[in-house]
Amino acid sequence: MVRHIVLWKLKNELTNEEGERVKKEIKDSLEALKNRMKGVIEIKVQTAGLSGSTVDVLLDSSFENEEALKNYATHPEHIAVAENKVKPFVSERICYDYEIN
């Protein structure tokens, strides 16, 4: 199994209201992909971090194997979410992928 963790920081110029809307759209859009692609085990998005958090959105996802993760990354529906719901609104992205033995 492979874990795919991504952290995003929203752009500073977003108002609180815009930021909340963007976080909800990111969460809803990414979590909706779970049953649409082969090899996806779990997709969870957290948007309500504690006060000490330094990022705004966390994607925590699991895949059957590295090939399933690659298929997810290049799937047109995932690309559409990334291009339309995520990239226009984030200033920073941190990703960590690892295999669970």
PDB file of N, CA and C in Angstrom:
ATOM      1  N   MET A   1       0.843  -1.176   0.000  1.00  0.00           N
ATOM      2  CA  MET A   1       0.000   0.000   0.000  1.00  0.00           C
ATOM      3  C   MET A   1       0.892   1.244   0.000  1.00  0.00           C
ATOM      4  N   VAL A   2       0.404   2.297  -0.636  1.00  0.00           N
ATOM      5  CA  VAL A   2       1.141   3.552  -0.745  1.00  0.00           C
ATOM      6  C   VAL A   2       0.297   4.672  -0.138  1.00  0.00           C
ATOM      7  N   ARG A   3       0.948   5.525   0.641  1.00  0.00           N
ATOM      8  CA  ARG A   3       0.286   6.713   1.193  1.00  0.00           C
ATOM      9  C   ARG A   3       0.765   7.928   0.410  1.00  0.00           C
ATOM     10  N   HIS A   4      -0.158   8.840   0.184  1.00  0.00           N
ATOM     11  CA  HIS A   4       0.095  10.086  -0.548  1.00  0.00           C
ATOM     12  C   HIS A   4      -0.432  11.214   0.334  1.00  0.00           C
ATOM     13  N   ILE A   5       0.483  12.000   0.878  1.00  0.00           N
ATOM     14  CA  ILE A   5       0.141  13.095   1.778  1.00  0.00           C
ATOM     15  C   ILE A   5       0.504  14.407   1.090  1.00  0.00           C
ATOM     16  N   VAL A   6      -0.448  15.330   1.042  1.00  0.00           N
ATOM     17  CA  VAL A   6      -0.186  16.641   0.456  1.00  0.00           C
ATOM     18  C   VAL A   6      -0.690  17.707   1.422  1.00  0.00           C
ATOM     19  N   LEU A   7       0.111  18.747   1.594  1.00  0.00           N
ATOM     20  CA  LEU A   7      -0.256  19.897   2.420  1.00  0.00           C
ATOM     21  C   LEU A   7      -0.266  21.135   1.538  1.00  0.00           C
ATOM     22  N   TRP A   8      -1.302  21.958   1.699  1.00  0.00           N
ATOM     23  CA  TRP A   8      -1.392  23.197   0.927  1.00  0.00           C
ATOM     24  C   TRP A   8      -1.582  24.387   1.851  1.00  0.00           C
ATOM     25  N   LYS A   9      -0.980  25.485   1.462  1.00  0.00           N
ATOM     26  CA  LYS A   9      -1.205  26.771   2.111  1.00  0.00           C
ATOM     27  C   LYS A   9      -1.947  27.640   1.108  1.00  0.00           C
ATOM     28  N   LEU A  10      -3.079  28.205   1.530  1.00  0.00           N
ATOM     29  CA  LEU A  10      -3.856  29.065   0.646  1.00  0.00           C
ATOM     30  C   LEU A  10      -3.162  30.414   0.462  1.00  0.00           C
ATOM     31  N   LYS A  11      -3.459  31.054  -0.639  1.00  0.00           N
ATOM     32  CA  LYS A  11      -2.902  32.377  -0.916  1.00  0.00           C
ATOM     33  C   LYS A  11      -3.370  33.374   0.141  1.00  0.00           C
ATOM     34  N   ASN A  12      -2.480  34.255   0.539  1.00  0.00           N
ATOM     35  CA  ASN A  12      -2.776  35.242   1.578  1.00  0.00           C
ATOM     36  C   ASN A  12      -3.866  36.217   1.171  1.00  0.00           C
ATOM     37  N   GLU A  13      -4.005  36.475  -0.119  1.00  0.00           N
ATOM     38  CA  GLU A  13      -4.969  37.480  -0.557  1.00  0.00           C
ATOM     39  C   GLU A  13      -6.424  37.026  -0.476  1.00  0.00           C
ATOM     40  N   LEU A  14      -6.662  35.755  -0.186  1.00  0.00           N
ATOM     41  CA  LEU A  14      -8.037  35.272  -0.036  1.00  0.00           C
ATOM     42  C   LEU A  14      -8.621  35.792   1.273  1.00  0.00           C
ATOM     43  N   THR A  15      -9.859  36.246   1.224  1.00  0.00           N
ATOM     44  CA  THR A  15     -10.549  36.624   2.460  1.00  0.00           C
ATOM     45  C   THR A  15     -10.873  35.361   3.239  1.00  0.00           C
ATOM     46  N   ASN A  16     -11.249  35.517   4.492  1.00  0.00           N
ATOM     47  CA  ASN A  16     -11.631  34.345   5.296  1.00  0.00           C
ATOM     48  C   ASN A  16     -12.783  33.594   4.643  1.00  0.00           C
ATOM     49  N   GLU A  17     -13.761  34.339   4.139  1.00  0.00           N
ATOM     50  CA  GLU A  17     -14.912  33.723   3.482  1.00  0.00           C
ATOM     51  C   GLU A  17     -14.487  32.958   2.225  1.00  0.00           C
ATOM     52  N   GLU A  18     -13.645  33.575   1.409  1.00  0.00           N
ATOM     53  CA  GLU A  18     -13.145  32.908   0.197  1.00  0.00           C
ATOM     54  C   GLU A  18     -12.342  31.664   0.574  1.00  0.00           C
ATOM     55  N   GLY A  19     -11.498  31.776   1.584  1.00  0.00           N
ATOM     56  CA  GLY A  19     -10.689  30.647   2.023  1.00  0.00           C
ATOM     57  C   GLY A  19     -11.540  29.470   2.473  1.00  0.00           C
ATOM     58  N   GLU A  20     -12.598  29.738   3.218  1.00  0.00           N
ATOM     59  CA  GLU A  20     -13.494  28.665   3.668  1.00  0.00           C
ATOM     60  C   GLU A  20     -14.197  28.007   2.483  1.00  0.00           C
ATOM     61  N   ARG A  21     -14.611  28.815   1.515  1.00  0.00           N
ATOM     62  CA  ARG A  21     -15.266  28.276   0.318  1.00  0.00           C
ATOM     63  C   ARG A  21     -14.293  27.397  -0.464  1.00  0.00           C
ATOM     64  N   VAL A  22     -13.067  27.887  -0.642  1.00  0.00           N
ATOM     65  CA  VAL A  22     -12.045  27.141  -1.380  1.00  0.00           C
ATOM     66  C   VAL A  22     -11.729  25.826  -0.677  1.00  0.00           C
ATOM     67  N   LYS A  23     -11.560  25.853   0.630  1.00  0.00           N
ATOM     68  CA  LYS A  23     -11.255  24.630   1.374  1.00  0.00           C
ATOM     69  C   LYS A  23     -12.384  23.605   1.220  1.00  0.00           C
ATOM     70  N   LYS A  24     -13.622  24.050   1.289  1.00  0.00           N
ATOM     71  CA  LYS A  24     -14.760  23.132   1.117  1.00  0.00           C
ATOM     72  C   LYS A  24     -14.773  22.536  -0.288  1.00  0.00           C
ATOM     73  N   GLU A  25     -14.516  23.367  -1.298  1.00  0.00           N
ATOM     74  CA  GLU A  25     -14.500  22.862  -2.680  1.00  0.00           C
ATOM     75  C   GLU A  25     -13.358  21.875  -2.900  1.00  0.00           C
ATOM     76  N   ILE A  26     -12.191  22.142  -2.342  1.00  0.00           N
ATOM     77  CA  ILE A  26     -11.067  21.206  -2.457  1.00  0.00           C
ATOM     78  C   ILE A  26     -11.441  19.880  -1.796  1.00  0.00           C
ATOM     79  N   LYS A  27     -11.955  19.953  -0.578  1.00  0.00           N
ATOM     80  CA  LYS A  27     -12.339  18.738   0.162  1.00  0.00           C
ATOM     81  C   LYS A  27     -13.385  17.935  -0.608  1.00  0.00           C
ATOM     82  N   ASP A  28     -14.466  18.588  -0.992  1.00  0.00           N
ATOM     83  CA  ASP A  28     -15.552  17.890  -1.683  1.00  0.00           C
ATOM     84  C   ASP A  28     -15.085  17.293  -3.011  1.00  0.00           C
ATOM     85  N   SER A  29     -14.298  18.041  -3.758  1.00  0.00           N
ATOM     86  CA  SER A  29     -13.846  17.593  -5.079  1.00  0.00           C
ATOM     87  C   SER A  29     -12.884  16.413  -4.995  1.00  0.00           C
ATOM     88  N   LEU A  30     -11.917  16.490  -4.080  1.00  0.00           N
ATOM     89  CA  LEU A  30     -10.951  15.396  -3.965  1.00  0.00           C
ATOM     90  C   LEU A  30     -11.590  14.141  -3.376  1.00  0.00           C
ATOM     91  N   GLU A  31     -12.400  14.295  -2.340  1.00  0.00           N
ATOM     92  CA  GLU A  31     -13.018  13.117  -1.733  1.00  0.00           C
ATOM     93  C   GLU A  31     -13.983  12.431  -2.693  1.00  0.00           C
ATOM     94  N   ALA A  32     -14.559  13.171  -3.618  1.00  0.00           N
ATOM     95  CA  ALA A  32     -15.467  12.582  -4.609  1.00  0.00           C
ATOM     96  C   ALA A  32     -14.741  11.673  -5.593  1.00  0.00           C
ATOM     97  N   LEU A  33     -13.423  11.784  -5.684  1.00  0.00           N
ATOM     98  CA  LEU A  33     -12.647  10.962  -6.616  1.00  0.00           C
ATOM     99  C   LEU A  33     -12.449   9.530  -6.116  1.00  0.00           C
ATOM    100  N   LYS A  34     -12.704   9.264  -4.854  1.00  0.00           N
ATOM    101  CA  LYS A  34     -12.377   7.965  -4.252  1.00  0.00           C
ATOM    102  C   LYS A  34     -12.907   6.782  -5.046  1.00  0.00           C
ATOM    103  N   ASN A  35     -14.152   6.791  -5.394  1.00  0.00           N
ATOM    104  CA  ASN A  35     -14.745   5.633  -6.069  1.00  0.00           C
ATOM    105  C   ASN A  35     -14.755   5.750  -7.581  1.00  0.00           C
ATOM    106  N   ARG A  36     -14.023   6.704  -8.108  1.00  0.00           N
ATOM    107  CA  ARG A  36     -14.029   6.932  -9.547  1.00  0.00           C
ATOM    108  C   ARG A  36     -12.785   6.400 -10.247  1.00  0.00           C
ATOM    109  N   MET A  37     -11.824   5.905  -9.457  1.00  0.00           N
ATOM    110  CA  MET A  37     -10.567   5.423 -10.028  1.00  0.00           C
ATOM    111  C   MET A  37     -10.156   4.111  -9.384  1.00  0.00           C
ATOM    112  N   LYS A  38      -9.644   3.238 -10.191  1.00  0.00           N
ATOM    113  CA  LYS A  38      -9.185   1.935  -9.711  1.00  0.00           C
ATOM    114  C   LYS A  38      -7.931   2.110  -8.843  1.00  0.00           C
ATOM    115  N   GLY A  39      -7.883   1.348  -7.770  1.00  0.00           N
ATOM    116  CA  GLY A  39      -6.699   1.328  -6.924  1.00  0.00           C
ATOM    117  C   GLY A  39      -6.687   2.341  -5.795  1.00  0.00           C
ATOM    118  N   VAL A  40      -7.698   3.183  -5.721  1.00  0.00           N
ATOM    119  CA  VAL A  40      -7.783   4.154  -4.626  1.00  0.00           C
ATOM    120  C   VAL A  40      -8.412   3.460  -3.428  1.00  0.00           C
ATOM    121  N   ILE A  41      -7.732   3.485  -2.302  1.00  0.00           N
ATOM    122  CA  ILE A  41      -8.264   2.888  -1.079  1.00  0.00           C
ATOM    123  C   ILE A  41      -9.010   3.945  -0.260  1.00  0.00           C
ATOM    124  N   GLU A  42      -8.404   5.097  -0.086  1.00  0.00           N
ATOM    125  CA  GLU A  42      -8.995   6.131   0.759  1.00  0.00           C
ATOM    126  C   GLU A  42      -8.515   7.513   0.326  1.00  0.00           C
ATOM    127  N   ILE A  43      -9.418   8.480   0.383  1.00  0.00           N
ATOM    128  CA  ILE A  43      -9.065   9.886   0.176  1.00  0.00           C
ATOM    129  C   ILE A  43      -9.783  10.679   1.257  1.00  0.00           C
ATOM    130  N   LYS A  44      -9.004  11.313   2.117  1.00  0.00           N
ATOM    131  CA  LYS A  44      -9.555  12.154   3.170  1.00  0.00           C
ATOM    132  C   LYS A  44      -8.873  13.513   3.112  1.00  0.00           C
ATOM    133  N   VAL A  45      -9.675  14.553   3.261  1.00  0.00           N
ATOM    134  CA  VAL A  45      -9.147  15.912   3.268  1.00  0.00           C
ATOM    135  C   VAL A  45      -9.544  16.574   4.581  1.00  0.00           C
ATOM    136  N   GLN A  46      -8.566  17.149   5.242  1.00  0.00           N
ATOM    137  CA  GLN A  46      -8.792  17.869   6.499  1.00  0.00           C
ATOM    138  C   GLN A  46      -8.636  19.368   6.241  1.00  0.00           C
ATOM    139  N   THR A  47      -9.597  20.144   6.722  1.00  0.00           N
ATOM    140  CA  THR A  47      -9.549  21.599   6.496  1.00  0.00           C
ATOM    141  C   THR A  47      -9.704  22.396   7.782  1.00  0.00           C
ATOM    142  N   ALA A  48      -9.801  21.717   8.905  1.00  0.00           N
ATOM    143  CA  ALA A  48     -10.008  22.408  10.177  1.00  0.00           C
ATOM    144  C   ALA A  48      -8.872  22.069  11.136  1.00  0.00           C
ATOM    145  N   GLY A  49      -7.678  22.490  10.773  1.00  0.00           N
ATOM    146  CA  GLY A  49      -6.520  22.226  11.610  1.00  0.00           C
ATOM    147  C   GLY A  49      -6.568  23.010  12.913  1.00  0.00           C
ATOM    148  N   LEU A  50      -5.812  22.556  13.869  1.00  0.00           N
ATOM    149  CA  LEU A  50      -5.715  23.256  15.144  1.00  0.00           C
ATOM    150  C   LEU A  50      -4.958  24.573  14.962  1.00  0.00           C
ATOM    151  N   SER A  51      -5.018  25.426  15.975  1.00  0.00           N
ATOM    152  CA  SER A  51      -4.455  26.780  15.861  1.00  0.00           C
ATOM    153  C   SER A  51      -2.953  26.796  15.567  1.00  0.00           C
ATOM    154  N   GLY A  52      -2.233  25.761  15.917  1.00  0.00           N
ATOM    155  CA  GLY A  52      -0.796  25.711  15.658  1.00  0.00           C
ATOM    156  C   GLY A  52      -0.431  25.282  14.243  1.00  0.00           C
ATOM    157  N   SER A  53      -1.422  24.954  13.434  1.00  0.00           N
ATOM    158  CA  SER A  53      -1.161  24.493  12.063  1.00  0.00           C
ATOM    159  C   SER A  53      -0.585  25.624  11.218  1.00  0.00           C
ATOM    160  N   THR A  54       0.315  25.274  10.323  1.00  0.00           N
ATOM    161  CA  THR A  54       0.931  26.277   9.450  1.00  0.00           C
ATOM    162  C   THR A  54       0.504  26.119   7.997  1.00  0.00           C
ATOM    163  N   VAL A  55      -0.395  25.183   7.735  1.00  0.00           N
ATOM    164  CA  VAL A  55      -0.989  24.999   6.415  1.00  0.00           C
ATOM    165  C   VAL A  55      -2.503  24.977   6.578  1.00  0.00           C
ATOM    166  N   ASP A  56      -3.210  25.052   5.452  1.00  0.00           N
ATOM    167  CA  ASP A  56      -4.664  25.177   5.498  1.00  0.00           C
ATOM    168  C   ASP A  56      -5.426  23.912   5.121  1.00  0.00           C
ATOM    169  N   VAL A  57      -4.808  23.057   4.315  1.00  0.00           N
ATOM    170  CA  VAL A  57      -5.500  21.861   3.817  1.00  0.00           C
ATOM    171  C   VAL A  57      -4.527  20.688   3.831  1.00  0.00           C
ATOM    172  N   LEU A  58      -5.030  19.523   4.259  1.00  0.00           N
ATOM    173  CA  LEU A  58      -4.257  18.286   4.273  1.00  0.00           C
ATOM    174  C   LEU A  58      -5.002  17.233   3.476  1.00  0.00           C
ATOM    175  N   LEU A  59      -4.332  16.641   2.512  1.00  0.00           N
ATOM    176  CA  LEU A  59      -4.851  15.483   1.784  1.00  0.00           C
ATOM    177  C   LEU A  59      -4.112  14.261   2.306  1.00  0.00           C
ATOM    178  N   ASP A  60      -4.860  13.284   2.777  1.00  0.00           N
ATOM    179  CA  ASP A  60      -4.301  12.034   3.282  1.00  0.00           C
ATOM    180  C   ASP A  60      -4.975  10.920   2.486  1.00  0.00           C
ATOM    181  N   SER A  61      -4.226  10.277   1.606  1.00  0.00           N
ATOM    182  CA  SER A  61      -4.824   9.276   0.721  1.00  0.00           C
ATOM    183  C   SER A  61      -3.976   8.010   0.674  1.00  0.00           C
ATOM    184  N   SER A  62      -4.657   6.906   0.359  1.00  0.00           N
ATOM    185  CA  SER A  62      -4.002   5.597   0.286  1.00  0.00           C
ATOM    186  C   SER A  62      -4.358   4.931  -1.032  1.00  0.00           C
ATOM    187  N   PHE A  63      -3.380   4.208  -1.574  1.00  0.00           N
ATOM    188  CA  PHE A  63      -3.542   3.526  -2.856  1.00  0.00           C
ATOM    189  C   PHE A  63      -3.017   2.104  -2.742  1.00  0.00           C
ATOM    190  N   GLU A  64      -3.543   1.237  -3.590  1.00  0.00           N
ATOM    191  CA  GLU A  64      -3.120  -0.171  -3.559  1.00  0.00           C
ATOM    192  C   GLU A  64      -1.625  -0.326  -3.786  1.00  0.00           C
ATOM    193  N   ASN A  65      -1.073   0.502  -4.677  1.00  0.00           N
ATOM    194  CA  ASN A  65       0.348   0.407  -5.002  1.00  0.00           C
ATOM    195  C   ASN A  65       0.784   1.700  -5.715  1.00  0.00           C
ATOM    196  N   GLU A  66       2.051   1.781  -6.046  1.00  0.00           N
ATOM    197  CA  GLU A  66       2.579   2.987  -6.681  1.00  0.00           C
ATOM    198  C   GLU A  66       1.957   3.225  -8.057  1.00  0.00           C
ATOM    199  N   GLU A  67       1.667   2.163  -8.781  1.00  0.00           N
ATOM    200  CA  GLU A  67       1.026   2.313 -10.087  1.00  0.00           C
ATOM    201  C   GLU A  67      -0.353   2.965  -9.947  1.00  0.00           C
ATOM    202  N   ALA A  68      -1.107   2.585  -8.926  1.00  0.00           N
ATOM    203  CA  ALA A  68      -2.421   3.192  -8.693  1.00  0.00           C
ATOM    204  C   ALA A  68      -2.276   4.680  -8.383  1.00  0.00           C
ATOM    205  N   LEU A  69      -1.246   5.051  -7.634  1.00  0.00           N
ATOM    206  CA  LEU A  69      -0.990   6.464  -7.352  1.00  0.00           C
ATOM    207  C   LEU A  69      -0.659   7.220  -8.637  1.00  0.00           C
ATOM    208  N   LYS A  70       0.163   6.624  -9.487  1.00  0.00           N
ATOM    209  CA  LYS A  70       0.506   7.262 -10.767  1.00  0.00           C
ATOM    210  C   LYS A  70      -0.733   7.412 -11.643  1.00  0.00           C
ATOM    211  N   ASN A  71      -1.601   6.408 -11.653  1.00  0.00           N
ATOM    212  CA  ASN A  71      -2.835   6.500 -12.434  1.00  0.00           C
ATOM    213  C   ASN A  71      -3.733   7.617 -11.911  1.00  0.00           C
ATOM    214  N   TYR A  72      -3.825   7.751 -10.599  1.00  0.00           N
ATOM    215  CA  TYR A  72      -4.594   8.821  -9.965  1.00  0.00           C
ATOM    216  C   TYR A  72      -4.029  10.187 -10.372  1.00  0.00           C
ATOM    217  N   ALA A  73      -2.707  10.309 -10.289  1.00  0.00           N
ATOM    218  CA  ALA A  73      -2.059  11.592 -10.580  1.00  0.00           C
ATOM    219  C   ALA A  73      -2.281  12.051 -12.015  1.00  0.00           C
ATOM    220  N   THR A  74      -2.438  11.110 -12.931  1.00  0.00           N
ATOM    221  CA  THR A  74      -2.586  11.470 -14.342  1.00  0.00           C
ATOM    222  C   THR A  74      -4.023  11.319 -14.850  1.00  0.00           C
ATOM    223  N   HIS A  75      -4.924  10.928 -13.977  1.00  0.00           N
ATOM    224  CA  HIS A  75      -6.320  10.744 -14.372  1.00  0.00           C
ATOM    225  C   HIS A  75      -6.952  12.105 -14.698  1.00  0.00           C
ATOM    226  N   PRO A  76      -7.699  12.214 -15.781  1.00  0.00           N
ATOM    227  CA  PRO A  76      -8.284  13.506 -16.179  1.00  0.00           C
ATOM    228  C   PRO A  76      -9.156  14.160 -15.103  1.00  0.00           C
ATOM    229  N   GLU A  77      -9.877  13.365 -14.331  1.00  0.00           N
ATOM    230  CA  GLU A  77     -10.723  13.953 -13.283  1.00  0.00           C
ATOM    231  C   GLU A  77      -9.881  14.550 -12.161  1.00  0.00           C
ATOM    232  N   HIS A  78      -8.777  13.887 -11.815  1.00  0.00           N
ATOM    233  CA  HIS A  78      -7.876  14.428 -10.803  1.00  0.00           C
ATOM    234  C   HIS A  78      -7.204  15.695 -11.322  1.00  0.00           C
ATOM    235  N   ILE A  79      -6.762  15.653 -12.550  1.00  0.00           N
ATOM    236  CA  ILE A  79      -6.114  16.836 -13.148  1.00  0.00           C
ATOM    237  C   ILE A  79      -7.079  18.012 -13.166  1.00  0.00           C
ATOM    238  N   ALA A  80      -8.339  17.782 -13.476  1.00  0.00           N
ATOM    239  CA  ALA A  80      -9.337  18.860 -13.494  1.00  0.00           C
ATOM    240  C   ALA A  80      -9.494  19.485 -12.112  1.00  0.00           C
ATOM    241  N   VAL A  81      -9.536  18.655 -11.075  1.00  0.00           N
ATOM    242  CA  VAL A  81      -9.640  19.187  -9.711  1.00  0.00           C
ATOM    243  C   VAL A  81      -8.395  20.016  -9.388  1.00  0.00           C
ATOM    244  N   ALA A  82      -7.224  19.468  -9.688  1.00  0.00           N
ATOM    245  CA  ALA A  82      -5.984  20.181  -9.398  1.00  0.00           C
ATOM    246  C   ALA A  82      -5.917  21.531 -10.121  1.00  0.00           C
ATOM    247  N   GLU A  83      -6.266  21.540 -11.381  1.00  0.00           N
ATOM    248  CA  GLU A  83      -6.158  22.760 -12.188  1.00  0.00           C
ATOM    249  C   GLU A  83      -7.221  23.800 -11.847  1.00  0.00           C
ATOM    250  N   ASN A  84      -8.427  23.357 -11.471  1.00  0.00           N
ATOM    251  CA  ASN A  84      -9.544  24.285 -11.272  1.00  0.00           C
ATOM    252  C   ASN A  84      -9.873  24.598  -9.823  1.00  0.00           C
ATOM    253  N   LYS A  85      -9.601  23.671  -8.917  1.00  0.00           N
ATOM    254  CA  LYS A  85     -10.009  23.852  -7.520  1.00  0.00           C
ATOM    255  C   LYS A  85      -8.839  24.083  -6.573  1.00  0.00           C
ATOM    256  N   VAL A  86      -7.636  23.685  -6.988  1.00  0.00           N
ATOM    257  CA  VAL A  86      -6.497  23.770  -6.074  1.00  0.00           C
ATOM    258  C   VAL A  86      -5.485  24.825  -6.528  1.00  0.00           C
ATOM    259  N   LYS A  87      -4.840  24.606  -7.650  1.00  0.00           N
ATOM    260  CA  LYS A  87      -3.724  25.459  -8.079  1.00  0.00           C
ATOM    261  C   LYS A  87      -4.020  26.959  -8.102  1.00  0.00           C
ATOM    262  N   PRO A  88      -5.214  27.395  -8.531  1.00  0.00           N
ATOM    263  CA  PRO A  88      -5.456  28.843  -8.564  1.00  0.00           C
ATOM    264  C   PRO A  88      -5.484  29.498  -7.181  1.00  0.00           C
ATOM    265  N   PHE A  89      -5.619  28.704  -6.117  1.00  0.00           N
ATOM    266  CA  PHE A  89      -5.858  29.268  -4.798  1.00  0.00           C
ATOM    267  C   PHE A  89      -4.768  28.986  -3.770  1.00  0.00           C
ATOM    268  N   VAL A  90      -3.743  28.233  -4.158  1.00  0.00           N
ATOM    269  CA  VAL A  90      -2.702  27.886  -3.188  1.00  0.00           C
ATOM    270  C   VAL A  90      -1.376  28.551  -3.530  1.00  0.00           C
ATOM    271  N   SER A  91      -0.633  28.858  -2.472  1.00  0.00           N
ATOM    272  CA  SER A  91       0.681  29.472  -2.644  1.00  0.00           C
ATOM    273  C   SER A  91       1.804  28.477  -2.409  1.00  0.00           C
ATOM    274  N   GLU A  92       1.476  27.378  -1.740  1.00  0.00           N
ATOM    275  CA  GLU A  92       2.519  26.412  -1.396  1.00  0.00           C
ATOM    276  C   GLU A  92       1.934  25.005  -1.367  1.00  0.00           C
ATOM    277  N   ARG A  93       2.720  24.048  -1.859  1.00  0.00           N
ATOM    278  CA  ARG A  93       2.329  22.632  -1.855  1.00  0.00           C
ATOM    279  C   ARG A  93       3.510  21.808  -1.375  1.00  0.00           C
ATOM    280  N   ILE A  94       3.225  20.914  -0.441  1.00  0.00           N
ATOM    281  CA  ILE A  94       4.236  19.984   0.057  1.00  0.00           C
ATOM    282  C   ILE A  94       3.652  18.589  -0.095  1.00  0.00           C
ATOM    283  N   CYS A  95       4.433  17.674  -0.650  1.00  0.00           N
ATOM    284  CA  CYS A  95       3.956  16.317  -0.903  1.00  0.00           C
ATOM    285  C   CYS A  95       4.953  15.311  -0.339  1.00  0.00           C
ATOM    286  N   TYR A  96       4.423  14.224   0.221  1.00  0.00           N
ATOM    287  CA  TYR A  96       5.238  13.126   0.686  1.00  0.00           C
ATOM    288  C   TYR A  96       4.511  11.826   0.370  1.00  0.00           C
ATOM    289  N   ASP A  97       5.138  10.963  -0.413  1.00  0.00           N
ATOM    290  CA  ASP A  97       4.606   9.660  -0.779  1.00  0.00           C
ATOM    291  C   ASP A  97       5.510   8.596  -0.161  1.00  0.00           C
ATOM    292  N   TYR A  98       4.890   7.533   0.351  1.00  0.00           N
ATOM    293  CA  TYR A  98       5.699   6.445   0.911  1.00  0.00           C
ATOM    294  C   TYR A  98       4.941   5.125   0.849  1.00  0.00           C
ATOM    295  N   GLU A  99       5.722   4.065   0.895  1.00  0.00           N
ATOM    296  CA  GLU A  99       5.140   2.722   0.825  1.00  0.00           C
ATOM    297  C   GLU A  99       5.026   2.160   2.239  1.00  0.00           C
ATOM    298  N   ILE A 100       3.891   1.537   2.510  1.00  0.00           N
ATOM    299  CA  ILE A 100       3.668   0.888   3.786  1.00  0.00           C
ATOM    300  C   ILE A 100       3.909  -0.603   3.592  1.00  0.00           C
ATOM    301  N   ASN A 101       4.815  -1.133   4.349  1.00  0.00           N
ATOM    302  CA  ASN A 101       5.158  -2.567   4.235  1.00  0.00           C
ATOM    303  C   ASN A 101       4.281  -3.408   5.120  1.00  0.00           C
TER     304      ASN A 101
END
